Amino acid sequence: MKYLLVFLLMAPLIVASQTKTTEDLDMRYSGISLFFYKNTLRMINQREDKEFDEVVKEIEKMRFVMIDKHKHRLSAMDYTALKRSYEREDYDVMMSGRMDGRNFDMLVWKQGGRVKGTVVLVSDSASLIVMDILGRIAMDKAATLFKTIDENTDAGKIMSNVLGNEKEKGKRKPGSAGAEQQDGNGNNK
């Protein structure tokens, strides 16, 4: 009974071990929010790439959040404030860089000298993407993880569709492919 009580008291700490900053960001802005667990990440590896298996081997779970920067009017100052919020949660910026027109920042949280959490921020002109990882990945492999998710999963397809649809909304005419048609009562056909 005593052990059950200890477990019940500790369970919320285990479940809520990812960052409050990511949770707040996801609650504040509408966007895409997905969870990937260890087995899900392995299933993404459709090419059976051994390097990708190495990248994800120490990830327990990952929260993926994507926000449309134009829709929510997010600026460079908002991005800086987001990084500072992670730093207030004891995350340290370990790497900053650029790849394929996107800015990357990688932050880590250590406990007992070992990395326990990793946050990868990806920003381009259209979107802000946060990969909040319970576990760790090698710093030089963060871009590989993002690129694999971007290219090989439904998350990548969702990202492309959402960003593509947002850009195309104003260009579509009623009756054209992808546009909803309505009858005289305003109901979709």
N, C-alpha and C. Protein backbone atom coordinates (compact mmCIF):
# COMPACT_ATOMS: atom_id res chain seq x y z
N MET A 1 0.83 -1.19 0.00
CA MET A 1 0.00 0.00 0.00
C MET A 1 0.88 1.25 0.00
N LYS A 2 1.94 1.21 0.80
CA LYS A 2 2.85 2.34 0.91
C LYS A 2 3.49 2.65 -0.45
N TYR A 3 3.88 1.58 -1.19
CA TYR A 3 4.51 1.77 -2.49
C TYR A 3 3.51 2.29 -3.52
N LEU A 4 2.27 1.85 -3.42
CA LEU A 4 1.23 2.34 -4.31
C LEU A 4 1.02 3.83 -4.12
N LEU A 5 1.01 4.28 -2.89
CA LEU A 5 0.84 5.71 -2.59
C LEU A 5 2.00 6.52 -3.16
N VAL A 6 3.22 6.02 -3.00
CA VAL A 6 4.40 6.71 -3.55
C VAL A 6 4.30 6.78 -5.07
N PHE A 7 3.90 5.67 -5.70
CA PHE A 7 3.75 5.66 -7.16
C PHE A 7 2.70 6.67 -7.62
N LEU A 8 1.57 6.69 -6.95
CA LEU A 8 0.50 7.61 -7.33
C LEU A 8 0.92 9.06 -7.17
N LEU A 9 1.74 9.34 -6.18
CA LEU A 9 2.23 10.71 -6.00
C LEU A 9 3.28 11.08 -7.04
N MET A 10 4.05 10.10 -7.51
CA MET A 10 5.11 10.37 -8.48
C MET A 10 4.61 10.32 -9.92
N ALA A 11 3.51 9.65 -10.20
CA ALA A 11 3.01 9.49 -11.57
C ALA A 11 2.83 10.81 -12.30
N PRO A 12 2.23 11.85 -11.68
CA PRO A 12 2.10 13.11 -12.41
C PRO A 12 3.45 13.71 -12.79
N LEU A 13 4.47 13.51 -12.01
CA LEU A 13 5.79 14.04 -12.34
C LEU A 13 6.38 13.30 -13.53
N ILE A 14 6.12 12.01 -13.63
CA ILE A 14 6.63 11.22 -14.74
C ILE A 14 5.90 11.60 -16.02
N VAL A 15 4.59 11.70 -15.97
CA VAL A 15 3.78 12.00 -17.14
C VAL A 15 4.04 13.42 -17.65
N ALA A 16 4.16 14.39 -16.75
CA ALA A 16 4.31 15.79 -17.14
C ALA A 16 5.77 16.20 -17.20
N SER A 17 6.63 15.32 -17.69
CA SER A 17 8.05 15.60 -17.64
C SER A 17 8.54 16.45 -18.80
N GLN A 18 7.69 16.74 -19.79
CA GLN A 18 8.11 17.64 -20.84
C GLN A 18 7.84 19.07 -20.39
N THR A 19 8.27 20.03 -21.17
CA THR A 19 8.31 21.41 -20.69
C THR A 19 6.96 22.10 -20.60
N LYS A 20 6.87 22.94 -19.61
CA LYS A 20 5.69 23.79 -19.42
C LYS A 20 5.62 24.82 -20.54
N THR A 21 6.77 25.28 -20.99
CA THR A 21 6.80 26.27 -22.07
C THR A 21 6.12 25.73 -23.33
N THR A 22 6.41 24.50 -23.70
CA THR A 22 5.79 23.90 -24.89
C THR A 22 4.29 23.74 -24.67
N GLU A 23 3.92 23.29 -23.49
CA GLU A 23 2.50 23.12 -23.17
C GLU A 23 1.77 24.46 -23.27
N ASP A 24 2.35 25.51 -22.70
CA ASP A 24 1.75 26.84 -22.76
C ASP A 24 1.65 27.35 -24.20
N LEU A 25 2.71 27.13 -24.97
CA LEU A 25 2.73 27.56 -26.37
C LEU A 25 1.61 26.88 -27.15
N ASP A 26 1.45 25.58 -26.93
CA ASP A 26 0.42 24.81 -27.62
C ASP A 26 -0.98 25.26 -27.22
N MET A 27 -1.15 25.65 -25.96
CA MET A 27 -2.46 26.12 -25.49
C MET A 27 -2.78 27.52 -26.02
N ARG A 28 -1.75 28.36 -26.14
CA ARG A 28 -1.94 29.75 -26.52
C ARG A 28 -2.23 29.92 -28.01
N TYR A 29 -1.63 29.09 -28.85
CA TYR A 29 -1.78 29.24 -30.30
C TYR A 29 -2.38 27.99 -30.91
N SER A 30 -3.32 28.18 -31.83
CA SER A 30 -3.85 27.02 -32.54
C SER A 30 -2.81 26.59 -33.57
N GLY A 31 -2.68 25.33 -33.72
CA GLY A 31 -1.71 24.79 -34.66
C GLY A 31 -1.78 23.28 -34.65
N ILE A 32 -0.72 22.65 -35.06
CA ILE A 32 -0.65 21.20 -35.08
C ILE A 32 0.14 20.74 -33.86
N SER A 33 -0.39 19.75 -33.16
CA SER A 33 0.30 19.20 -32.01
C SER A 33 0.22 17.68 -32.10
N LEU A 34 1.37 17.04 -32.18
CA LEU A 34 1.44 15.59 -32.30
C LEU A 34 2.39 15.03 -31.25
N PHE A 35 2.12 13.80 -30.83
CA PHE A 35 3.01 13.10 -29.91
C PHE A 35 3.58 11.88 -30.62
N PHE A 36 4.88 11.70 -30.48
CA PHE A 36 5.56 10.52 -31.01
C PHE A 36 6.22 9.80 -29.84
N TYR A 37 6.01 8.50 -29.77
CA TYR A 37 6.67 7.69 -28.76
C TYR A 37 7.77 6.89 -29.44
N LYS A 38 8.59 6.22 -28.65
CA LYS A 38 9.76 5.50 -29.17
C LYS A 38 9.39 4.60 -30.35
N ASN A 39 8.35 3.80 -30.21
CA ASN A 39 7.96 2.88 -31.28
C ASN A 39 7.44 3.62 -32.50
N THR A 40 6.73 4.72 -32.29
CA THR A 40 6.23 5.52 -33.41
C THR A 40 7.40 6.08 -34.20
N LEU A 41 8.41 6.58 -33.50
CA LEU A 41 9.58 7.13 -34.17
C LEU A 41 10.29 6.05 -34.99
N ARG A 42 10.33 4.85 -34.47
CA ARG A 42 10.96 3.76 -35.23
C ARG A 42 10.16 3.43 -36.48
N MET A 43 8.84 3.52 -36.40
CA MET A 43 8.00 3.23 -37.57
C MET A 43 8.18 4.29 -38.67
N ILE A 44 8.56 5.49 -38.28
CA ILE A 44 8.80 6.55 -39.27
C ILE A 44 9.93 6.17 -40.20
N ASN A 45 10.85 5.39 -39.69
CA ASN A 45 12.04 5.00 -40.45
C ASN A 45 11.66 3.99 -41.54
N GLN A 46 10.94 4.45 -42.53
CA GLN A 46 10.44 3.58 -43.59
C GLN A 46 11.56 3.05 -44.49
N ARG A 47 12.67 3.73 -44.50
CA ARG A 47 13.81 3.30 -45.33
C ARG A 47 14.75 2.37 -44.57
N GLU A 48 14.41 2.08 -43.31
CA GLU A 48 15.23 1.24 -42.44
C GLU A 48 16.67 1.76 -42.37
N ASP A 49 16.78 3.06 -42.22
CA ASP A 49 18.07 3.74 -42.13
C ASP A 49 18.66 3.56 -40.74
N LYS A 50 19.82 2.92 -40.66
CA LYS A 50 20.47 2.65 -39.36
C LYS A 50 20.85 3.94 -38.65
N GLU A 51 21.21 4.97 -39.41
CA GLU A 51 21.57 6.26 -38.81
C GLU A 51 20.37 6.87 -38.08
N PHE A 52 19.18 6.77 -38.69
CA PHE A 52 17.99 7.30 -38.04
C PHE A 52 17.68 6.52 -36.76
N ASP A 53 17.85 5.20 -36.79
CA ASP A 53 17.65 4.39 -35.58
C ASP A 53 18.57 4.87 -34.46
N GLU A 54 19.80 5.23 -34.81
CA GLU A 54 20.74 5.76 -33.82
C GLU A 54 20.27 7.10 -33.26
N VAL A 55 19.69 7.93 -34.12
CA VAL A 55 19.21 9.25 -33.71
C VAL A 55 18.12 9.13 -32.67
N VAL A 56 17.20 8.19 -32.84
CA VAL A 56 16.02 8.11 -31.97
C VAL A 56 16.16 7.12 -30.82
N LYS A 57 17.28 6.44 -30.72
CA LYS A 57 17.38 5.35 -29.74
C LYS A 57 17.24 5.81 -28.29
N GLU A 58 17.56 7.06 -27.97
CA GLU A 58 17.46 7.54 -26.59
C GLU A 58 16.31 8.52 -26.39
N ILE A 59 15.35 8.50 -27.30
CA ILE A 59 14.15 9.34 -27.17
C ILE A 59 13.02 8.49 -26.61
N GLU A 60 12.45 8.94 -25.51
CA GLU A 60 11.30 8.24 -24.92
C GLU A 60 10.00 8.70 -25.58
N LYS A 61 9.86 10.01 -25.71
CA LYS A 61 8.71 10.56 -26.42
C LYS A 61 9.06 11.96 -26.90
N MET A 62 8.29 12.40 -27.89
CA MET A 62 8.52 13.72 -28.46
C MET A 62 7.18 14.37 -28.72
N ARG A 63 7.08 15.62 -28.33
CA ARG A 63 5.90 16.43 -28.66
C ARG A 63 6.31 17.34 -29.81
N PHE A 64 5.50 17.34 -30.85
CA PHE A 64 5.77 18.10 -32.06
C PHE A 64 4.68 19.16 -32.17
N VAL A 65 5.06 20.42 -32.15
CA VAL A 65 4.10 21.52 -32.25
C VAL A 65 4.50 22.39 -33.42
N MET A 66 3.51 22.70 -34.27
CA MET A 66 3.77 23.58 -35.41
C MET A 66 2.74 24.70 -35.41
N ILE A 67 3.23 25.92 -35.51
CA ILE A 67 2.37 27.11 -35.45
C ILE A 67 2.63 27.98 -36.68
N ASP A 68 1.56 28.45 -37.28
CA ASP A 68 1.64 29.35 -38.42
C ASP A 68 2.00 30.74 -37.91
N LYS A 69 3.19 31.21 -38.28
CA LYS A 69 3.67 32.50 -37.78
C LYS A 69 2.87 33.68 -38.32
N HIS A 70 2.41 33.58 -39.55
CA HIS A 70 1.64 34.69 -40.13
C HIS A 70 0.28 34.82 -39.46
N LYS A 71 -0.39 33.70 -39.29
CA LYS A 71 -1.72 33.70 -38.70
C LYS A 71 -1.70 34.30 -37.29
N HIS A 72 -0.65 33.98 -36.52
CA HIS A 72 -0.57 34.43 -35.14
C HIS A 72 0.36 35.64 -34.96
N ARG A 73 0.84 36.16 -36.08
CA ARG A 73 1.70 37.35 -36.07
C ARG A 73 2.90 37.20 -35.12
N LEU A 74 3.59 36.07 -35.23
CA LEU A 74 4.77 35.83 -34.40
C LEU A 74 5.98 36.51 -35.03
N SER A 75 6.74 37.18 -34.20
CA SER A 75 7.90 37.94 -34.67
C SER A 75 9.19 37.34 -34.13
N ALA A 76 10.30 37.93 -34.52
CA ALA A 76 11.61 37.51 -34.00
C ALA A 76 11.68 37.72 -32.49
N MET A 77 11.01 38.76 -32.00
CA MET A 77 10.99 39.01 -30.54
C MET A 77 10.23 37.89 -29.82
N ASP A 78 9.17 37.39 -30.42
CA ASP A 78 8.43 36.27 -29.83
C ASP A 78 9.30 35.02 -29.76
N TYR A 79 10.08 34.80 -30.81
CA TYR A 79 10.99 33.64 -30.85
C TYR A 79 12.04 33.75 -29.74
N THR A 80 12.60 34.94 -29.58
CA THR A 80 13.59 35.17 -28.53
C THR A 80 12.97 34.96 -27.15
N ALA A 81 11.75 35.45 -26.96
CA ALA A 81 11.05 35.26 -25.68
C ALA A 81 10.79 33.78 -25.42
N LEU A 82 10.49 33.02 -26.47
CA LEU A 82 10.27 31.58 -26.33
C LEU A 82 11.56 30.89 -25.85
N LYS A 83 12.68 31.24 -26.45
CA LYS A 83 13.95 30.66 -26.02
C LYS A 83 14.24 31.01 -24.56
N ARG A 84 13.99 32.23 -24.18
CA ARG A 84 14.21 32.64 -22.78
C ARG A 84 13.32 31.86 -21.82
N SER A 85 12.11 31.56 -22.24
CA SER A 85 11.20 30.78 -21.40
C SER A 85 11.77 29.38 -21.15
N TYR A 86 12.33 28.77 -22.18
CA TYR A 86 12.97 27.46 -21.99
C TYR A 86 14.18 27.58 -21.06
N GLU A 87 14.92 28.66 -21.22
CA GLU A 87 16.09 28.87 -20.35
C GLU A 87 15.67 29.02 -18.89
N ARG A 88 14.50 29.63 -18.64
CA ARG A 88 13.99 29.75 -17.27
C ARG A 88 13.63 28.38 -16.68
N GLU A 89 13.41 27.41 -17.56
CA GLU A 89 13.14 26.03 -17.11
C GLU A 89 14.45 25.23 -17.02
N ASP A 90 15.56 25.93 -16.98
CA ASP A 90 16.90 25.33 -16.85
C ASP A 90 17.38 24.62 -18.10
N TYR A 91 16.88 25.00 -19.26
CA TYR A 91 17.40 24.50 -20.52
C TYR A 91 18.53 25.43 -20.96
N ASP A 92 19.59 24.84 -21.49
CA ASP A 92 20.73 25.61 -21.99
C ASP A 92 20.79 25.50 -23.51
N VAL A 93 21.04 26.63 -24.17
CA VAL A 93 21.20 26.62 -25.62
C VAL A 93 22.54 25.95 -25.92
N MET A 94 22.48 24.86 -26.68
CA MET A 94 23.68 24.12 -27.02
C MET A 94 24.14 24.35 -28.45
N MET A 95 23.19 24.70 -29.31
CA MET A 95 23.55 24.86 -30.71
C MET A 95 22.53 25.75 -31.39
N SER A 96 23.01 26.59 -32.27
CA SER A 96 22.16 27.40 -33.13
C SER A 96 22.71 27.27 -34.54
N GLY A 97 21.84 27.23 -35.54
CA GLY A 97 22.32 27.10 -36.90
C GLY A 97 21.22 27.34 -37.91
N ARG A 98 21.57 27.09 -39.17
CA ARG A 98 20.64 27.29 -40.27
C ARG A 98 20.77 26.13 -41.25
N MET A 99 19.62 25.67 -41.76
CA MET A 99 19.63 24.60 -42.75
C MET A 99 18.39 24.75 -43.63
N ASP A 100 18.58 24.71 -44.93
CA ASP A 100 17.48 24.79 -45.89
C ASP A 100 16.56 25.98 -45.63
N GLY A 101 17.12 27.14 -45.30
CA GLY A 101 16.32 28.35 -45.07
C GLY A 101 15.60 28.39 -43.74
N ARG A 102 15.93 27.48 -42.84
CA ARG A 102 15.30 27.43 -41.52
C ARG A 102 16.35 27.66 -40.44
N ASN A 103 15.94 28.38 -39.41
CA ASN A 103 16.81 28.55 -38.24
C ASN A 103 16.54 27.42 -37.26
N PHE A 104 17.60 26.86 -36.68
CA PHE A 104 17.49 25.80 -35.70
C PHE A 104 18.15 26.25 -34.40
N ASP A 105 17.52 25.94 -33.29
CA ASP A 105 18.13 26.11 -31.98
C ASP A 105 17.89 24.83 -31.21
N MET A 106 18.92 24.35 -30.56
CA MET A 106 18.80 23.13 -29.76
C MET A 106 19.14 23.47 -28.32
N LEU A 107 18.20 23.14 -27.43
CA LEU A 107 18.39 23.40 -26.01
C LEU A 107 18.31 22.07 -25.26
N VAL A 108 19.11 21.94 -24.19
CA VAL A 108 19.10 20.70 -23.42
C VAL A 108 18.93 20.99 -21.93
N TRP A 109 18.33 20.02 -21.26
CA TRP A 109 18.16 20.07 -19.82
C TRP A 109 18.91 18.88 -19.25
N LYS A 110 19.79 19.16 -18.29
CA LYS A 110 20.60 18.11 -17.70
C LYS A 110 20.20 17.90 -16.25
N GLN A 111 20.32 16.64 -15.84
CA GLN A 111 20.08 16.29 -14.45
C GLN A 111 21.15 15.25 -14.09
N GLY A 112 21.91 15.54 -13.06
CA GLY A 112 22.98 14.62 -12.66
C GLY A 112 24.04 14.45 -13.73
N GLY A 113 24.29 15.52 -14.51
CA GLY A 113 25.31 15.47 -15.55
C GLY A 113 24.88 14.76 -16.82
N ARG A 114 23.66 14.30 -16.89
CA ARG A 114 23.16 13.59 -18.07
C ARG A 114 21.98 14.36 -18.68
N VAL A 115 21.95 14.42 -20.00
CA VAL A 115 20.86 15.10 -20.70
C VAL A 115 19.58 14.29 -20.52
N LYS A 116 18.55 14.94 -20.00
CA LYS A 116 17.26 14.30 -19.77
C LYS A 116 16.18 14.83 -20.71
N GLY A 117 16.36 16.05 -21.21
CA GLY A 117 15.37 16.65 -22.10
C GLY A 117 16.05 17.48 -23.17
N THR A 118 15.45 17.51 -24.34
CA THR A 118 15.99 18.26 -25.46
C THR A 118 14.83 18.99 -26.14
N VAL A 119 15.06 20.24 -26.49
CA VAL A 119 14.08 21.01 -27.25
C VAL A 119 14.77 21.50 -28.52
N VAL A 120 14.14 21.24 -29.65
CA VAL A 120 14.64 21.73 -30.93
C VAL A 120 13.62 22.72 -31.46
N LEU A 121 14.05 23.94 -31.69
CA LEU A 121 13.21 24.99 -32.26
C LEU A 121 13.59 25.17 -33.72
N VAL A 122 12.60 25.18 -34.59
CA VAL A 122 12.84 25.36 -36.01
C VAL A 122 11.93 26.50 -36.47
N SER A 123 12.51 27.49 -37.12
CA SER A 123 11.73 28.64 -37.54
C SER A 123 12.12 29.03 -38.96
N ASP A 124 11.09 29.25 -39.77
CA ASP A 124 11.32 29.82 -41.10
C ASP A 124 10.34 30.98 -41.27
N SER A 125 10.19 31.47 -42.47
CA SER A 125 9.33 32.64 -42.66
C SER A 125 7.86 32.34 -42.40
N ALA A 126 7.44 31.07 -42.52
CA ALA A 126 6.03 30.74 -42.41
C ALA A 126 5.62 30.07 -41.11
N SER A 127 6.53 29.33 -40.49
CA SER A 127 6.12 28.52 -39.34
C SER A 127 7.17 28.46 -38.24
N LEU A 128 6.67 28.13 -37.06
CA LEU A 128 7.50 27.84 -35.89
C LEU A 128 7.22 26.40 -35.52
N ILE A 129 8.27 25.61 -35.40
CA ILE A 129 8.12 24.20 -35.06
C ILE A 129 8.93 23.94 -33.80
N VAL A 130 8.30 23.25 -32.86
CA VAL A 130 8.98 22.87 -31.61
C VAL A 130 8.94 21.36 -31.51
N MET A 131 10.11 20.76 -31.31
CA MET A 131 10.21 19.34 -31.01
C MET A 131 10.69 19.25 -29.56
N ASP A 132 9.79 18.94 -28.67
CA ASP A 132 10.07 18.84 -27.23
C ASP A 132 10.29 17.36 -26.92
N ILE A 133 11.52 17.00 -26.63
CA ILE A 133 11.92 15.60 -26.54
C ILE A 133 12.23 15.21 -25.11
N LEU A 134 11.62 14.14 -24.65
CA LEU A 134 11.99 13.53 -23.39
C LEU A 134 13.05 12.50 -23.73
N GLY A 135 14.27 12.83 -23.41
CA GLY A 135 15.41 12.02 -23.80
C GLY A 135 16.44 12.91 -24.46
N ARG A 136 17.30 12.30 -25.22
CA ARG A 136 18.36 13.09 -25.86
C ARG A 136 18.66 12.58 -27.25
N ILE A 137 19.22 13.49 -28.03
CA ILE A 137 19.73 13.14 -29.35
C ILE A 137 21.08 13.85 -29.49
N ALA A 138 21.92 13.30 -30.32
CA ALA A 138 23.21 13.93 -30.59
C ALA A 138 22.96 15.28 -31.27
N MET A 139 23.73 16.28 -30.85
CA MET A 139 23.51 17.63 -31.39
C MET A 139 23.60 17.68 -32.90
N ASP A 140 24.51 16.92 -33.47
CA ASP A 140 24.67 16.97 -34.92
C ASP A 140 23.59 16.18 -35.66
N LYS A 141 22.69 15.54 -34.92
CA LYS A 141 21.64 14.74 -35.55
C LYS A 141 20.25 15.37 -35.46
N ALA A 142 20.12 16.51 -34.82
CA ALA A 142 18.81 17.16 -34.67
C ALA A 142 18.20 17.48 -36.04
N ALA A 143 19.02 17.98 -36.94
CA ALA A 143 18.52 18.31 -38.28
C ALA A 143 18.08 17.04 -39.02
N THR A 144 18.79 15.93 -38.81
CA THR A 144 18.43 14.66 -39.43
C THR A 144 17.05 14.21 -38.96
N LEU A 145 16.80 14.33 -37.65
CA LEU A 145 15.49 13.96 -37.10
C LEU A 145 14.39 14.80 -37.74
N PHE A 146 14.59 16.10 -37.76
CA PHE A 146 13.57 16.99 -38.33
C PHE A 146 13.34 16.67 -39.80
N LYS A 147 14.41 16.52 -40.55
CA LYS A 147 14.29 16.28 -41.99
C LYS A 147 13.57 14.96 -42.27
N THR A 148 13.87 13.93 -41.48
CA THR A 148 13.22 12.63 -41.68
C THR A 148 11.73 12.73 -41.38
N ILE A 149 11.38 13.41 -40.31
CA ILE A 149 9.96 13.60 -39.99
C ILE A 149 9.29 14.42 -41.08
N ASP A 150 9.96 15.45 -41.53
CA ASP A 150 9.43 16.34 -42.56
C ASP A 150 9.17 15.60 -43.87
N GLU A 151 10.08 14.70 -44.26
CA GLU A 151 10.00 14.04 -45.56
C GLU A 151 9.20 12.74 -45.57
N ASN A 152 9.16 12.03 -44.45
CA ASN A 152 8.68 10.65 -44.49
C ASN A 152 7.43 10.34 -43.69
N THR A 153 6.75 11.32 -43.17
CA THR A 153 5.63 10.99 -42.31
C THR A 153 4.39 11.79 -42.67
N ASP A 154 3.32 11.39 -42.04
CA ASP A 154 2.09 12.16 -42.17
C ASP A 154 2.27 13.55 -41.58
N ALA A 155 3.14 13.68 -40.56
CA ALA A 155 3.41 15.01 -40.00
C ALA A 155 3.99 15.91 -41.07
N GLY A 156 4.91 15.37 -41.86
CA GLY A 156 5.49 16.15 -42.94
C GLY A 156 4.44 16.52 -43.98
N LYS A 157 3.55 15.56 -44.29
CA LYS A 157 2.47 15.84 -45.25
C LYS A 157 1.52 16.89 -44.69
N ILE A 158 1.22 16.78 -43.40
CA ILE A 158 0.35 17.77 -42.76
C ILE A 158 1.00 19.14 -42.84
N MET A 159 2.31 19.20 -42.53
CA MET A 159 3.02 20.49 -42.58
C MET A 159 2.92 21.08 -43.98
N SER A 160 3.17 20.26 -45.00
CA SER A 160 3.12 20.75 -46.38
C SER A 160 1.72 21.20 -46.75
N ASN A 161 0.72 20.40 -46.37
CA ASN A 161 -0.66 20.74 -46.71
C ASN A 161 -1.12 22.01 -46.01
N VAL A 162 -0.81 22.14 -44.73
CA VAL A 162 -1.24 23.32 -43.98
C VAL A 162 -0.58 24.56 -44.55
N LEU A 163 0.73 24.50 -44.73
CA LEU A 163 1.42 25.68 -45.24
C LEU A 163 1.00 25.97 -46.67
N GLY A 164 0.84 24.92 -47.48
CA GLY A 164 0.40 25.11 -48.86
C GLY A 164 -1.01 25.66 -48.92
N ASN A 165 -1.91 25.13 -48.10
CA ASN A 165 -3.30 25.60 -48.11
C ASN A 165 -3.41 27.03 -47.65
N GLU A 166 -2.63 27.42 -46.67
CA GLU A 166 -2.67 28.80 -46.19
C GLU A 166 -2.23 29.75 -47.31
N LYS A 167 -1.23 29.35 -48.08
CA LYS A 167 -0.75 30.21 -49.15
C LYS A 167 -1.75 30.27 -50.30
N GLU A 168 -2.49 29.18 -50.52
CA GLU A 168 -3.39 29.09 -51.66
C GLU A 168 -4.80 29.61 -51.38
N LYS A 169 -5.15 29.83 -50.13
CA LYS A 169 -6.52 30.22 -49.78
C LYS A 169 -7.02 31.39 -50.61
N GLY A 170 -6.24 32.42 -50.71
CA GLY A 170 -6.68 33.62 -51.41
C GLY A 170 -6.71 33.47 -52.92
N LYS A 171 -6.06 32.42 -53.45
CA LYS A 171 -5.95 32.26 -54.90
C LYS A 171 -7.08 31.42 -55.49
N ARG A 172 -7.78 30.64 -54.68
CA ARG A 172 -8.81 29.73 -55.19
C ARG A 172 -10.10 30.47 -55.49
N LYS A 173 -10.75 30.04 -56.55
CA LYS A 173 -12.04 30.60 -56.91
C LYS A 173 -13.10 29.53 -56.65
N PRO A 174 -14.32 29.93 -56.31
CA PRO A 174 -15.39 28.94 -56.13
C PRO A 174 -15.51 28.05 -57.36
N GLY A 175 -15.62 26.75 -57.09
CA GLY A 175 -15.74 25.80 -58.18
C GLY A 175 -14.42 25.24 -58.63
N SER A 176 -13.30 25.83 -58.20
CA SER A 176 -12.01 25.30 -58.60
C SER A 176 -11.65 24.14 -57.69
N ALA A 177 -10.69 23.34 -58.10
CA ALA A 177 -10.26 22.18 -57.33
C ALA A 177 -9.83 22.62 -55.94
N GLY A 178 -10.30 21.91 -54.92
CA GLY A 178 -9.93 22.21 -53.55
C GLY A 178 -10.81 23.24 -52.87
N ALA A 179 -11.63 23.93 -53.60
CA ALA A 179 -12.50 24.94 -53.00
C ALA A 179 -13.83 24.30 -52.66
N GLU A 180 -14.41 24.70 -51.55
CA GLU A 180 -15.71 24.18 -51.17
C GLU A 180 -16.78 24.91 -51.97
N GLN A 181 -17.76 24.15 -52.44
CA GLN A 181 -18.86 24.75 -53.18
C GLN A 181 -20.08 24.82 -52.27
N GLN A 182 -20.87 25.85 -52.43
CA GLN A 182 -22.06 26.01 -51.61
C GLN A 182 -23.29 26.14 -52.47
N ASP A 183 -24.41 25.64 -51.90
CA ASP A 183 -25.67 25.81 -52.62
C ASP A 183 -26.25 27.18 -52.25
N GLY A 184 -27.43 27.49 -52.72
CA GLY A 184 -28.05 28.79 -52.49
C GLY A 184 -28.33 29.10 -51.02
N ASN A 185 -28.36 28.08 -50.15
CA ASN A 185 -28.62 28.28 -48.73
C ASN A 185 -27.35 28.42 -47.90
N GLY A 186 -26.19 28.44 -48.56
CA GLY A 186 -24.93 28.56 -47.85
C GLY A 186 -24.39 27.25 -47.33
N ASN A 187 -24.99 26.11 -47.74
CA ASN A 187 -24.52 24.80 -47.32
C ASN A 187 -23.48 24.28 -48.28
N ASN A 188 -22.47 23.61 -47.74
CA ASN A 188 -21.45 23.03 -48.62
C ASN A 188 -22.04 21.88 -49.42
N LYS A 189 -21.66 21.81 -50.70
CA LYS A 189 -22.14 20.72 -51.56
C LYS A 189 -21.24 19.51 -51.40
